[in-house]
Amino acid sequence: QVQLVESGGGLVQPGGSLRLSCAASGSIFTMYAMGWYRQAPGKQRELAARIMSGGSTNYADSVKGRFTISRGNAKNTVYLQMNSLKPEDTAVYYCNARGGTHSLRDFDSWGQGTQVTVSS
């Protein structure tokens, strides 16, 4: 059982910034990767940003140069710094974590999502 708790969403004007946080808890022995996915109404869920255990990152082309994903000092914590936000960034953002439990079973867990609305 691995649970993810997200925070940081809200309403922001175009050009503004938000920082999303995600903390994973439970039977986590090792983390393979953590990432942020987003889904807007009528659209498919897409990967916004992901960071692997070794530190490498992946970003959607639409957010490159504006979003930064990072790992927190606390293990199993990830942040998404979102700058220069655009209305097109409006979506529910979901935290995702993949890893192995103490019983050596893989897990793939999702948070409940946090709403990000970019509007003037």
PDB file of N, CA and C in Angstrom:
ATOM      1  N   GLN A   1       0.838  -1.170   0.000  1.00  0.00           N
ATOM      2  CA  GLN A   1       0.000   0.000   0.000  1.00  0.00           C
ATOM      3  C   GLN A   1       0.890   1.242   0.000  1.00  0.00           C
ATOM      4  N   VAL A   2       0.837   1.972  -1.082  1.00  0.00           N
ATOM      5  CA  VAL A   2       1.584   3.210  -1.216  1.00  0.00           C
ATOM      6  C   VAL A   2       0.594   4.319  -1.535  1.00  0.00           C
ATOM      7  N   GLN A   3       0.620   5.360  -0.736  1.00  0.00           N
ATOM      8  CA  GLN A   3      -0.296   6.477  -0.906  1.00  0.00           C
ATOM      9  C   GLN A   3       0.469   7.734  -1.280  1.00  0.00           C
ATOM     10  N   LEU A   4      -0.141   8.551  -2.113  1.00  0.00           N
ATOM     11  CA  LEU A   4       0.442   9.809  -2.535  1.00  0.00           C
ATOM     12  C   LEU A   4      -0.466  10.952  -2.109  1.00  0.00           C
ATOM     13  N   VAL A   5       0.135  11.986  -1.551  1.00  0.00           N
ATOM     14  CA  VAL A   5      -0.597  13.169  -1.134  1.00  0.00           C
ATOM     15  C   VAL A   5      -0.047  14.363  -1.896  1.00  0.00           C
ATOM     16  N   GLU A   6      -0.920  15.053  -2.611  1.00  0.00           N
ATOM     17  CA  GLU A   6      -0.544  16.181  -3.441  1.00  0.00           C
ATOM     18  C   GLU A   6      -1.040  17.482  -2.831  1.00  0.00           C
ATOM     19  N   SER A   7      -0.331  18.551  -3.134  1.00  0.00           N
ATOM     20  CA  SER A   7      -0.743  19.869  -2.693  1.00  0.00           C
ATOM     21  C   SER A   7      -0.143  20.914  -3.620  1.00  0.00           C
ATOM     22  N   GLY A   8      -0.670  22.117  -3.554  1.00  0.00           N
ATOM     23  CA  GLY A   8      -0.094  23.232  -4.278  1.00  0.00           C
ATOM     24  C   GLY A   8      -0.907  23.751  -5.439  1.00  0.00           C
ATOM     25  N   GLY A   9      -1.958  23.054  -5.809  1.00  0.00           N
ATOM     26  CA  GLY A   9      -2.777  23.522  -6.903  1.00  0.00           C
ATOM     27  C   GLY A   9      -3.576  24.750  -6.526  1.00  0.00           C
ATOM     28  N   GLY A  10      -4.151  25.375  -7.529  1.00  0.00           N
ATOM     29  CA  GLY A  10      -4.951  26.552  -7.283  1.00  0.00           C
ATOM     30  C   GLY A  10      -5.180  27.356  -8.539  1.00  0.00           C
ATOM     31  N   LEU A  11      -5.648  28.567  -8.336  1.00  0.00           N
ATOM     32  CA  LEU A  11      -5.935  29.494  -9.428  1.00  0.00           C
ATOM     33  C   LEU A  11      -4.809  30.505  -9.539  1.00  0.00           C
ATOM     34  N   VAL A  12      -4.321  30.691 -10.745  1.00  0.00           N
ATOM     35  CA  VAL A  12      -3.240  31.632 -10.983  1.00  0.00           C
ATOM     36  C   VAL A  12      -3.468  32.329 -12.317  1.00  0.00           C
ATOM     37  N   GLN A  13      -3.009  33.563 -12.422  1.00  0.00           N
ATOM     38  CA  GLN A  13      -3.128  34.303 -13.662  1.00  0.00           C
ATOM     39  C   GLN A  13      -2.078  33.861 -14.661  1.00  0.00           C
ATOM     40  N   PRO A  14      -2.353  34.019 -15.954  1.00  0.00           N
ATOM     41  CA  PRO A  14      -1.325  33.704 -16.948  1.00  0.00           C
ATOM     42  C   PRO A  14      -0.025  34.418 -16.641  1.00  0.00           C
ATOM     43  N   GLY A  15       1.065  33.686 -16.791  1.00  0.00           N
ATOM     44  CA  GLY A  15       2.372  34.216 -16.459  1.00  0.00           C
ATOM     45  C   GLY A  15       2.791  33.982 -15.031  1.00  0.00           C
ATOM     46  N   GLY A  16       1.879  33.519 -14.213  1.00  0.00           N
ATOM     47  CA  GLY A  16       2.174  33.272 -12.825  1.00  0.00           C
ATOM     48  C   GLY A  16       2.847  31.942 -12.600  1.00  0.00           C
ATOM     49  N   SER A  17       3.052  31.623 -11.325  1.00  0.00           N
ATOM     50  CA  SER A  17       3.769  30.413 -10.938  1.00  0.00           C
ATOM     51  C   SER A  17       3.030  29.666  -9.845  1.00  0.00           C
ATOM     52  N   LEU A  18       3.221  28.372  -9.836  1.00  0.00           N
ATOM     53  CA  LEU A  18       2.743  27.498  -8.781  1.00  0.00           C
ATOM     54  C   LEU A  18       3.782  26.415  -8.555  1.00  0.00           C
ATOM     55  N   ARG A  19       3.806  25.888  -7.347  1.00  0.00           N
ATOM     56  CA  ARG A  19       4.651  24.747  -7.055  1.00  0.00           C
ATOM     57  C   ARG A  19       3.800  23.634  -6.471  1.00  0.00           C
ATOM     58  N   LEU A  20       3.810  22.509  -7.136  1.00  0.00           N
ATOM     59  CA  LEU A  20       3.096  21.336  -6.675  1.00  0.00           C
ATOM     60  C   LEU A  20       4.027  20.452  -5.862  1.00  0.00           C
ATOM     61  N   SER A  21       3.476  19.837  -4.837  1.00  0.00           N
ATOM     62  CA  SER A  21       4.231  18.931  -3.992  1.00  0.00           C
ATOM     63  C   SER A  21       3.535  17.591  -3.935  1.00  0.00           C
ATOM     64  N   CYS A  22       4.320  16.545  -3.808  1.00  0.00           N
ATOM     65  CA  CYS A  22       3.785  15.201  -3.690  1.00  0.00           C
ATOM     66  C   CYS A  22       4.661  14.402  -2.746  1.00  0.00           C
ATOM     67  N   ALA A  23       4.040  13.781  -1.775  1.00  0.00           N
ATOM     68  CA  ALA A  23       4.748  12.939  -0.827  1.00  0.00           C
ATOM     69  C   ALA A  23       4.156  11.540  -0.846  1.00  0.00           C
ATOM     70  N   ALA A  24       5.006  10.565  -1.002  1.00  0.00           N
ATOM     71  CA  ALA A  24       4.585   9.171  -1.005  1.00  0.00           C
ATOM     72  C   ALA A  24       4.870   8.539   0.344  1.00  0.00           C
ATOM     73  N   SER A  25       3.975   7.686   0.775  1.00  0.00           N
ATOM     74  CA  SER A  25       4.155   6.986   2.031  1.00  0.00           C
ATOM     75  C   SER A  25       3.634   5.564   1.899  1.00  0.00           C
ATOM     76  N   GLY A  26       4.099   4.720   2.792  1.00  0.00           N
ATOM     77  CA  GLY A  26       3.689   3.333   2.767  1.00  0.00           C
ATOM     78  C   GLY A  26       4.880   2.408   2.708  1.00  0.00           C
ATOM     79  N   SER A  27       4.648   1.240   2.173  1.00  0.00           N
ATOM     80  CA  SER A  27       5.670   0.202   2.127  1.00  0.00           C
ATOM     81  C   SER A  27       6.590   0.418   0.931  1.00  0.00           C
ATOM     82  N   ILE A  28       7.425   1.440   1.039  1.00  0.00           N
ATOM     83  CA  ILE A  28       8.330   1.800  -0.046  1.00  0.00           C
ATOM     84  C   ILE A  28       9.741   1.389   0.324  1.00  0.00           C
ATOM     85  N   PHE A  29      10.277   0.477  -0.438  1.00  0.00           N
ATOM     86  CA  PHE A  29      11.663   0.072  -0.260  1.00  0.00           C
ATOM     87  C   PHE A  29      12.584   0.863  -1.180  1.00  0.00           C
ATOM     88  N   THR A  30      12.171   1.018  -2.395  1.00  0.00           N
ATOM     89  CA  THR A  30      12.941   1.790  -3.350  1.00  0.00           C
ATOM     90  C   THR A  30      11.992   2.473  -4.328  1.00  0.00           C
ATOM     91  N   MET A  31      12.386   3.660  -4.764  1.00  0.00           N
ATOM     92  CA  MET A  31      11.600   4.399  -5.722  1.00  0.00           C
ATOM     93  C   MET A  31      12.309   4.372  -7.062  1.00  0.00           C
ATOM     94  N   TYR A  32      11.590   3.990  -8.098  1.00  0.00           N
ATOM     95  CA  TYR A  32      12.161   3.974  -9.435  1.00  0.00           C
ATOM     96  C   TYR A  32      12.011   5.332 -10.115  1.00  0.00           C
ATOM     97  N   ALA A  33      10.822   5.912  -9.972  1.00  0.00           N
ATOM     98  CA  ALA A  33      10.547   7.177 -10.631  1.00  0.00           C
ATOM     99  C   ALA A  33       9.332   7.831 -10.008  1.00  0.00           C
ATOM    100  N   MET A  34       9.290   9.141 -10.087  1.00  0.00           N
ATOM    101  CA  MET A  34       8.113   9.899  -9.711  1.00  0.00           C
ATOM    102  C   MET A  34       7.838  10.911 -10.809  1.00  0.00           C
ATOM    103  N   GLY A  35       6.585  11.181 -11.018  1.00  0.00           N
ATOM    104  CA  GLY A  35       6.253  12.103 -12.079  1.00  0.00           C
ATOM    105  C   GLY A  35       4.920  12.783 -11.870  1.00  0.00           C
ATOM    106  N   TRP A  36       4.681  13.746 -12.722  1.00  0.00           N
ATOM    107  CA  TRP A  36       3.431  14.482 -12.732  1.00  0.00           C
ATOM    108  C   TRP A  36       2.766  14.318 -14.092  1.00  0.00           C
ATOM    109  N   TYR A  37       1.533  13.875 -14.073  1.00  0.00           N
ATOM    110  CA  TYR A  37       0.704  13.773 -15.253  1.00  0.00           C
ATOM    111  C   TYR A  37      -0.437  14.771 -15.128  1.00  0.00           C
ATOM    112  N   ARG A  38      -0.985  15.169 -16.249  1.00  0.00           N
ATOM    113  CA  ARG A  38      -2.087  16.110 -16.200  1.00  0.00           C
ATOM    114  C   ARG A  38      -3.156  15.717 -17.200  1.00  0.00           C
ATOM    115  N   GLN A  39      -4.375  16.085 -16.889  1.00  0.00           N
ATOM    116  CA  GLN A  39      -5.496  15.784 -17.754  1.00  0.00           C
ATOM    117  C   GLN A  39      -6.482  16.938 -17.730  1.00  0.00           C
ATOM    118  N   ALA A  40      -6.732  17.483 -18.895  1.00  0.00           N
ATOM    119  CA  ALA A  40      -7.719  18.528 -19.062  1.00  0.00           C
ATOM    120  C   ALA A  40      -9.012  17.914 -19.576  1.00  0.00           C
ATOM    121  N   PRO A  41     -10.153  18.557 -19.342  1.00  0.00           N
ATOM    122  CA  PRO A  41     -11.416  18.019 -19.837  1.00  0.00           C
ATOM    123  C   PRO A  41     -11.377  17.774 -21.336  1.00  0.00           C
ATOM    124  N   GLY A  42     -11.809  16.597 -21.739  1.00  0.00           N
ATOM    125  CA  GLY A  42     -11.840  16.255 -23.143  1.00  0.00           C
ATOM    126  C   GLY A  42     -10.511  15.863 -23.740  1.00  0.00           C
ATOM    127  N   LYS A  43      -9.479  15.780 -22.923  1.00  0.00           N
ATOM    128  CA  LYS A  43      -8.159  15.431 -23.415  1.00  0.00           C
ATOM    129  C   LYS A  43      -7.627  14.190 -22.719  1.00  0.00           C
ATOM    130  N   GLN A  44      -6.691  13.540 -23.379  1.00  0.00           N
ATOM    131  CA  GLN A  44      -6.028  12.391 -22.786  1.00  0.00           C
ATOM    132  C   GLN A  44      -5.057  12.834 -21.696  1.00  0.00           C
ATOM    133  N   ARG A  45      -4.882  11.969 -20.720  1.00  0.00           N
ATOM    134  CA  ARG A  45      -3.876  12.238 -19.713  1.00  0.00           C
ATOM    135  C   ARG A  45      -2.495  12.189 -20.350  1.00  0.00           C
ATOM    136  N   GLU A  46      -1.651  13.124 -19.986  1.00  0.00           N
ATOM    137  CA  GLU A  46      -0.330  13.201 -20.567  1.00  0.00           C
ATOM    138  C   GLU A  46       0.714  13.397 -19.486  1.00  0.00           C
ATOM    139  N   LEU A  47       1.902  12.935 -19.782  1.00  0.00           N
ATOM    140  CA  LEU A  47       3.025  13.149 -18.888  1.00  0.00           C
ATOM    141  C   LEU A  47       3.489  14.587 -19.002  1.00  0.00           C
ATOM    142  N   ALA A  48       3.540  15.274 -17.880  1.00  0.00           N
ATOM    143  CA  ALA A  48       4.098  16.613 -17.849  1.00  0.00           C
ATOM    144  C   ALA A  48       5.586  16.587 -17.528  1.00  0.00           C
ATOM    145  N   ALA A  49       5.954  15.837 -16.507  1.00  0.00           N
ATOM    146  CA  ALA A  49       7.349  15.758 -16.094  1.00  0.00           C
ATOM    147  C   ALA A  49       7.571  14.504 -15.280  1.00  0.00           C
ATOM    148  N   ARG A  50       8.777  13.964 -15.362  1.00  0.00           N
ATOM    149  CA  ARG A  50       9.118  12.750 -14.634  1.00  0.00           C
ATOM    150  C   ARG A  50      10.579  12.795 -14.250  1.00  0.00           C
ATOM    151  N   ILE A  51      10.887  12.265 -13.092  1.00  0.00           N
ATOM    152  CA  ILE A  51      12.269  12.185 -12.646  1.00  0.00           C
ATOM    153  C   ILE A  51      12.543  10.765 -12.186  1.00  0.00           C
ATOM    154  N   MET A  52      13.649  10.206 -12.660  1.00  0.00           N
ATOM    155  CA  MET A  52      14.026   8.858 -12.306  1.00  0.00           C
ATOM    156  C   MET A  52      14.939   8.854 -11.089  1.00  0.00           C
ATOM    157  N   SER A  53      15.158   7.678 -10.541  1.00  0.00           N
ATOM    158  CA  SER A  53      15.955   7.569  -9.325  1.00  0.00           C
ATOM    159  C   SER A  53      17.364   8.094  -9.512  1.00  0.00           C
ATOM    160  N   GLY A  54      17.892   7.967 -10.723  1.00  0.00           N
ATOM    161  CA  GLY A  54      19.224   8.465 -11.003  1.00  0.00           C
ATOM    162  C   GLY A  54      19.299   9.959 -11.232  1.00  0.00           C
ATOM    163  N   GLY A  55      18.152  10.620 -11.279  1.00  0.00           N
ATOM    164  CA  GLY A  55      18.125  12.056 -11.428  1.00  0.00           C
ATOM    165  C   GLY A  55      17.775  12.562 -12.816  1.00  0.00           C
ATOM    166  N   SER A  56      17.723  11.687 -13.796  1.00  0.00           N
ATOM    167  CA  SER A  56      17.364  12.131 -15.133  1.00  0.00           C
ATOM    168  C   SER A  56      15.901  12.532 -15.176  1.00  0.00           C
ATOM    169  N   THR A  57      15.578  13.449 -16.058  1.00  0.00           N
ATOM    170  CA  THR A  57      14.227  13.997 -16.140  1.00  0.00           C
ATOM    171  C   THR A  57      13.700  13.944 -17.559  1.00  0.00           C
ATOM    172  N   ASN A  58      12.387  13.927 -17.667  1.00  0.00           N
ATOM    173  CA  ASN A  58      11.694  14.016 -18.934  1.00  0.00           C
ATOM    174  C   ASN A  58      10.581  15.039 -18.805  1.00  0.00           C
ATOM    175  N   TYR A  59      10.392  15.822 -19.854  1.00  0.00           N
ATOM    176  CA  TYR A  59       9.350  16.832 -19.872  1.00  0.00           C
ATOM    177  C   TYR A  59       8.572  16.760 -21.169  1.00  0.00           C
ATOM    178  N   ALA A  60       7.297  17.057 -21.072  1.00  0.00           N
ATOM    179  CA  ALA A  60       6.525  17.251 -22.279  1.00  0.00           C
ATOM    180  C   ALA A  60       7.047  18.476 -23.011  1.00  0.00           C
ATOM    181  N   ASP A  61       7.020  18.419 -24.334  1.00  0.00           N
ATOM    182  CA  ASP A  61       7.503  19.552 -25.117  1.00  0.00           C
ATOM    183  C   ASP A  61       6.783  20.843 -24.746  1.00  0.00           C
ATOM    184  N   SER A  62       5.525  20.730 -24.397  1.00  0.00           N
ATOM    185  CA  SER A  62       4.724  21.904 -24.112  1.00  0.00           C
ATOM    186  C   SER A  62       5.123  22.622 -22.828  1.00  0.00           C
ATOM    187  N   VAL A  63       5.878  21.956 -21.967  1.00  0.00           N
ATOM    188  CA  VAL A  63       6.251  22.571 -20.692  1.00  0.00           C
ATOM    189  C   VAL A  63       7.746  22.792 -20.552  1.00  0.00           C
ATOM    190  N   LYS A  64       8.528  22.337 -21.504  1.00  0.00           N
ATOM    191  CA  LYS A  64       9.970  22.507 -21.422  1.00  0.00           C
ATOM    192  C   LYS A  64      10.338  23.981 -21.315  1.00  0.00           C
ATOM    193  N   GLY A  65      11.249  24.258 -20.420  1.00  0.00           N
ATOM    194  CA  GLY A  65      11.682  25.624 -20.203  1.00  0.00           C
ATOM    195  C   GLY A  65      10.832  26.381 -19.219  1.00  0.00           C
ATOM    196  N   ARG A  66       9.685  25.829 -18.850  1.00  0.00           N
ATOM    197  CA  ARG A  66       8.790  26.494 -17.909  1.00  0.00           C
ATOM    198  C   ARG A  66       8.595  25.707 -16.623  1.00  0.00           C
ATOM    199  N   PHE A  67       8.585  24.382 -16.725  1.00  0.00           N
ATOM    200  CA  PHE A  67       8.385  23.519 -15.564  1.00  0.00           C
ATOM    201  C   PHE A  67       9.703  22.871 -15.165  1.00  0.00           C
ATOM    202  N   THR A  68       9.865  22.654 -13.883  1.00  0.00           N
ATOM    203  CA  THR A  68      11.024  21.955 -13.365  1.00  0.00           C
ATOM    204  C   THR A  68      10.583  20.948 -12.319  1.00  0.00           C
ATOM    205  N   ILE A  69      10.944  19.696 -12.524  1.00  0.00           N
ATOM    206  CA  ILE A  69      10.639  18.667 -11.549  1.00  0.00           C
ATOM    207  C   ILE A  69      11.889  18.396 -10.724  1.00  0.00           C
ATOM    208  N   SER A  70      11.709  18.167  -9.443  1.00  0.00           N
ATOM    209  CA  SER A  70      12.840  17.935  -8.565  1.00  0.00           C
ATOM    210  C   SER A  70      12.435  17.020  -7.422  1.00  0.00           C
ATOM    211  N   ARG A  71      13.420  16.362  -6.847  1.00  0.00           N
ATOM    212  CA  ARG A  71      13.202  15.527  -5.680  1.00  0.00           C
ATOM    213  C   ARG A  71      13.446  16.334  -4.423  1.00  0.00           C
ATOM    214  N   GLY A  72      12.659  16.062  -3.410  1.00  0.00           N
ATOM    215  CA  GLY A  72      12.812  16.756  -2.154  1.00  0.00           C
ATOM    216  C   GLY A  72      13.896  16.156  -1.294  1.00  0.00           C
ATOM    217  N   ASN A  73      14.243  16.896  -0.224  1.00  0.00           N
ATOM    218  CA  ASN A  73      15.218  16.370   0.725  1.00  0.00           C
ATOM    219  C   ASN A  73      14.699  15.111   1.409  1.00  0.00           C
ATOM    220  N   ALA A  74      13.424  15.120   1.702  1.00  0.00           N
ATOM    221  CA  ALA A  74      12.795  13.926   2.246  1.00  0.00           C
ATOM    222  C   ALA A  74      12.621  12.903   1.138  1.00  0.00           C
ATOM    223  N   LYS A  75      12.970  11.697   1.420  1.00  0.00           N
ATOM    224  CA  LYS A  75      12.837  10.635   0.432  1.00  0.00           C
ATOM    225  C   LYS A  75      11.380  10.482   0.041  1.00  0.00           C
ATOM    226  N   ASN A  76      11.181  10.158  -1.214  1.00  0.00           N
ATOM    227  CA  ASN A  76       9.855   9.900  -1.760  1.00  0.00           C
ATOM    228  C   ASN A  76       8.993  11.153  -1.828  1.00  0.00           C
ATOM    229  N   THR A  77       9.644  12.271  -2.026  1.00  0.00           N
ATOM    230  CA  THR A  77       8.964  13.543  -2.199  1.00  0.00           C
ATOM    231  C   THR A  77       9.394  14.158  -3.523  1.00  0.00           C
ATOM    232  N   VAL A  78       8.457  14.724  -4.231  1.00  0.00           N
ATOM    233  CA  VAL A  78       8.755  15.334  -5.517  1.00  0.00           C
ATOM    234  C   VAL A  78       7.999  16.644  -5.637  1.00  0.00           C
ATOM    235  N   TYR A  79       8.608  17.596  -6.351  1.00  0.00           N
ATOM    236  CA  TYR A  79       8.008  18.897  -6.566  1.00  0.00           C
ATOM    237  C   TYR A  79       7.937  19.184  -8.056  1.00  0.00           C
ATOM    238  N   LEU A  80       6.986  20.004  -8.418  1.00  0.00           N
ATOM    239  CA  LEU A  80       6.893  20.504  -9.774  1.00  0.00           C
ATOM    240  C   LEU A  80       6.755  22.010  -9.701  1.00  0.00           C
ATOM    241  N   GLN A  81       7.822  22.705 -10.057  1.00  0.00           N
ATOM    242  CA  GLN A  81       7.799  24.156 -10.121  1.00  0.00           C
ATOM    243  C   GLN A  81       7.303  24.562 -11.492  1.00  0.00           C
ATOM    244  N   MET A  82       6.203  25.287 -11.534  1.00  0.00           N
ATOM    245  CA  MET A  82       5.577  25.687 -12.777  1.00  0.00           C
ATOM    246  C   MET A  82       5.635  27.203 -12.896  1.00  0.00           C
ATOM    247  N   ASN A  83       6.367  27.670 -13.882  1.00  0.00           N
ATOM    248  CA  ASN A  83       6.520  29.093 -14.128  1.00  0.00           C
ATOM    249  C   ASN A  83       5.920  29.459 -15.477  1.00  0.00           C
ATOM    250  N   SER A  84       5.690  30.742 -15.666  1.00  0.00           N
ATOM    251  CA  SER A  84       5.153  31.251 -16.928  1.00  0.00           C
ATOM    252  C   SER A  84       3.931  30.464 -17.364  1.00  0.00           C
ATOM    253  N   LEU A  85       3.023  30.270 -16.446  1.00  0.00           N
ATOM    254  CA  LEU A  85       1.866  29.427 -16.708  1.00  0.00           C
ATOM    255  C   LEU A  85       0.969  30.021 -17.783  1.00  0.00           C
ATOM    256  N   LYS A  86       0.404  29.135 -18.571  1.00  0.00           N
ATOM    257  CA  LYS A  86      -0.486  29.489 -19.661  1.00  0.00           C
ATOM    258  C   LYS A  86      -1.863  28.886 -19.422  1.00  0.00           C
ATOM    259  N   PRO A  87      -2.898  29.467 -20.012  1.00  0.00           N
ATOM    260  CA  PRO A  87      -4.224  28.854 -19.877  1.00  0.00           C
ATOM    261  C   PRO A  87      -4.250  27.396 -20.320  1.00  0.00           C
ATOM    262  N   GLU A  88      -3.416  27.043 -21.284  1.00  0.00           N
ATOM    263  CA  GLU A  88      -3.356  25.669 -21.758  1.00  0.00           C
ATOM    264  C   GLU A  88      -2.833  24.699 -20.707  1.00  0.00           C
ATOM    265  N   ASP A  89      -2.235  25.215 -19.645  1.00  0.00           N
ATOM    266  CA  ASP A  89      -1.760  24.364 -18.566  1.00  0.00           C
ATOM    267  C   ASP A  89      -2.871  23.961 -17.609  1.00  0.00           C
ATOM    268  N   THR A  90      -4.043  24.544 -17.768  1.00  0.00           N
ATOM    269  CA  THR A  90      -5.161  24.220 -16.895  1.00  0.00           C
ATOM    270  C   THR A  90      -5.505  22.742 -17.012  1.00  0.00           C
ATOM    271  N   ALA A  91      -5.490  22.050 -15.887  1.00  0.00           N
ATOM    272  CA  ALA A  91      -5.741  20.623 -15.869  1.00  0.00           C
ATOM    273  C   ALA A  91      -5.732  20.139 -14.429  1.00  0.00           C
ATOM    274  N   VAL A  92      -6.155  18.906 -14.250  1.00  0.00           N
ATOM    275  CA  VAL A  92      -5.932  18.220 -12.991  1.00  0.00           C
ATOM    276  C   VAL A  92      -4.576  17.546 -13.086  1.00  0.00           C
ATOM    277  N   TYR A  93      -3.725  17.823 -12.127  1.00  0.00           N
ATOM    278  CA  TYR A  93      -2.386  17.268 -12.110  1.00  0.00           C
ATOM    279  C   TYR A  93      -2.320  16.119 -11.115  1.00  0.00           C
ATOM    280  N   TYR A  94      -1.828  14.982 -11.588  1.00  0.00           N
ATOM    281  CA  TYR A  94      -1.752  13.776 -10.790  1.00  0.00           C
ATOM    282  C   TYR A  94      -0.303  13.393 -10.546  1.00  0.00           C
ATOM    283  N   CYS A  95       0.015  13.114  -9.316  1.00  0.00           N
ATOM    284  CA  CYS A  95       1.327  12.600  -8.979  1.00  0.00           C
ATOM    285  C   CYS A  95       1.349  11.093  -9.181  1.00  0.00           C
ATOM    286  N   ASN A  96       2.454  10.596  -9.682  1.00  0.00           N
ATOM    287  CA  ASN A  96       2.636   9.170  -9.908  1.00  0.00           C
ATOM    288  C   ASN A  96       3.960   8.726  -9.317  1.00  0.00           C
ATOM    289  N   ALA A  97       3.961   7.551  -8.723  1.00  0.00           N
ATOM    290  CA  ALA A  97       5.185   6.989  -8.172  1.00  0.00           C
ATOM    291  C   ALA A  97       5.277   5.521  -8.535  1.00  0.00           C
ATOM    292  N   ARG A  98       6.453   5.110  -8.944  1.00  0.00           N
ATOM    293  CA  ARG A  98       6.731   3.720  -9.268  1.00  0.00           C
ATOM    294  C   ARG A  98       7.931   3.266  -8.466  1.00  0.00           C
ATOM    295  N   GLY A  99       7.826   2.074  -7.927  1.00  0.00           N
ATOM    296  CA  GLY A  99       8.933   1.562  -7.147  1.00  0.00           C
ATOM    297  C   GLY A  99       8.686   0.148  -6.696  1.00  0.00           C
ATOM    298  N   GLY A 100       9.411  -0.241  -5.659  1.00  0.00           N
ATOM    299  CA  GLY A 100       9.280  -1.559  -5.086  1.00  0.00           C
ATOM    300  C   GLY A 100       8.985  -1.469  -3.598  1.00  0.00           C
ATOM    301  N   THR A 101       8.114  -2.330  -3.124  1.00  0.00           N
ATOM    302  CA  THR A 101       7.767  -2.358  -1.710  1.00  0.00           C
ATOM    303  C   THR A 101       8.800  -3.144  -0.919  1.00  0.00           C
ATOM    304  N   HIS A 102       8.641  -3.121   0.413  1.00  0.00           N
ATOM    305  CA  HIS A 102       9.540  -3.891   1.265  1.00  0.00           C
ATOM    306  C   HIS A 102       9.426  -5.387   1.016  1.00  0.00           C
ATOM    307  N   SER A 103       8.293  -5.809   0.498  1.00  0.00           N
ATOM    308  CA  SER A 103       8.121  -7.212   0.139  1.00  0.00           C
ATOM    309  C   SER A 103       8.597  -7.508  -1.276  1.00  0.00           C
ATOM    310  N   LEU A 104       9.283  -6.542  -1.875  1.00  0.00           N
ATOM    311  CA  LEU A 104       9.900  -6.694  -3.189  1.00  0.00           C
ATOM    312  C   LEU A 104       8.878  -6.837  -4.310  1.00  0.00           C
ATOM    313  N   ARG A 105       7.747  -6.210  -4.135  1.00  0.00           N
ATOM    314  CA  ARG A 105       6.737  -6.154  -5.177  1.00  0.00           C
ATOM    315  C   ARG A 105       6.692  -4.757  -5.770  1.00  0.00           C
ATOM    316  N   ASP A 106       6.579  -4.692  -7.069  1.00  0.00           N
ATOM    317  CA  ASP A 106       6.494  -3.401  -7.732  1.00  0.00           C
ATOM    318  C   ASP A 106       5.176  -2.712  -7.405  1.00  0.00           C
ATOM    319  N   PHE A 107       5.215  -1.390  -7.363  1.00  0.00           N
ATOM    320  CA  PHE A 107       4.000  -0.620  -7.204  1.00  0.00           C
ATOM    321  C   PHE A 107       3.968   0.511  -8.215  1.00  0.00           C
ATOM    322  N   ASP A 108       2.785   0.931  -8.535  1.00  0.00           N
ATOM    323  CA  ASP A 108       2.535   2.038  -9.438  1.00  0.00           C
ATOM    324  C   ASP A 108       1.319   2.765  -8.874  1.00  0.00           C
ATOM    325  N   SER A 109       1.572   3.834  -8.134  1.00  0.00           N
ATOM    326  CA  SER A 109       0.526   4.510  -7.377  1.00  0.00           C
ATOM    327  C   SER A 109       0.260   5.908  -7.915  1.00  0.00           C
ATOM    328  N   TRP A 110      -0.961   6.350  -7.692  1.00  0.00           N
ATOM    329  CA  TRP A 110      -1.414   7.652  -8.170  1.00  0.00           C
ATOM    330  C   TRP A 110      -2.045   8.442  -7.037  1.00  0.00           C
ATOM    331  N   GLY A 111      -1.842   9.743  -7.069  1.00  0.00           N
ATOM    332  CA  GLY A 111      -2.529  10.616  -6.151  1.00  0.00           C
ATOM    333  C   GLY A 111      -3.934  10.918  -6.631  1.00  0.00           C
ATOM    334  N   GLN A 112      -4.671  11.642  -5.817  1.00  0.00           N
ATOM    335  CA  GLN A 112      -6.052  11.977  -6.148  1.00  0.00           C
ATOM    336  C   GLN A 112      -6.157  13.111  -7.157  1.00  0.00           C
ATOM    337  N   GLY A 113      -5.100  13.848  -7.336  1.00  0.00           N
ATOM    338  CA  GLY A 113      -5.097  14.941  -8.281  1.00  0.00           C
ATOM    339  C   GLY A 113      -5.310  16.286  -7.605  1.00  0.00           C
ATOM    340  N   THR A 114      -4.719  17.302  -8.171  1.00  0.00           N
ATOM    341  CA  THR A 114      -4.892  18.658  -7.690  1.00  0.00           C
ATOM    342  C   THR A 114      -5.164  19.567  -8.885  1.00  0.00           C
ATOM    343  N   GLN A 115      -6.159  20.420  -8.745  1.00  0.00           N
ATOM    344  CA  GLN A 115      -6.591  21.264  -9.850  1.00  0.00           C
ATOM    345  C   GLN A 115      -5.679  22.471 -10.000  1.00  0.00           C
ATOM    346  N   VAL A 116      -5.229  22.691 -11.210  1.00  0.00           N
ATOM    347  CA  VAL A 116      -4.484  23.896 -11.567  1.00  0.00           C
ATOM    348  C   VAL A 116      -5.293  24.643 -12.614  1.00  0.00           C
ATOM    349  N   THR A 117      -5.654  25.864 -12.306  1.00  0.00           N
ATOM    350  CA  THR A 117      -6.423  26.680 -13.224  1.00  0.00           C
ATOM    351  C   THR A 117      -5.654  27.960 -13.520  1.00  0.00           C
ATOM    352  N   VAL A 118      -5.397  28.201 -14.784  1.00  0.00           N
ATOM    353  CA  VAL A 118      -4.676  29.392 -15.224  1.00  0.00           C
ATOM    354  C   VAL A 118      -5.663  30.256 -15.996  1.00  0.00           C
ATOM    355  N   SER A 119      -6.037  31.361 -15.409  1.00  0.00           N
ATOM    356  CA  SER A 119      -7.065  32.204 -16.007  1.00  0.00           C
ATOM    357  C   SER A 119      -6.955  33.616 -15.466  1.00  0.00           C
ATOM    358  N   SER A 120      -7.308  34.566 -16.302  1.00  0.00           N
ATOM    359  CA  SER A 120      -7.355  35.952 -15.884  1.00  0.00           C
ATOM    360  C   SER A 120      -8.777  36.377 -15.551  1.00  0.00           C
TER     361      SER A 120
END
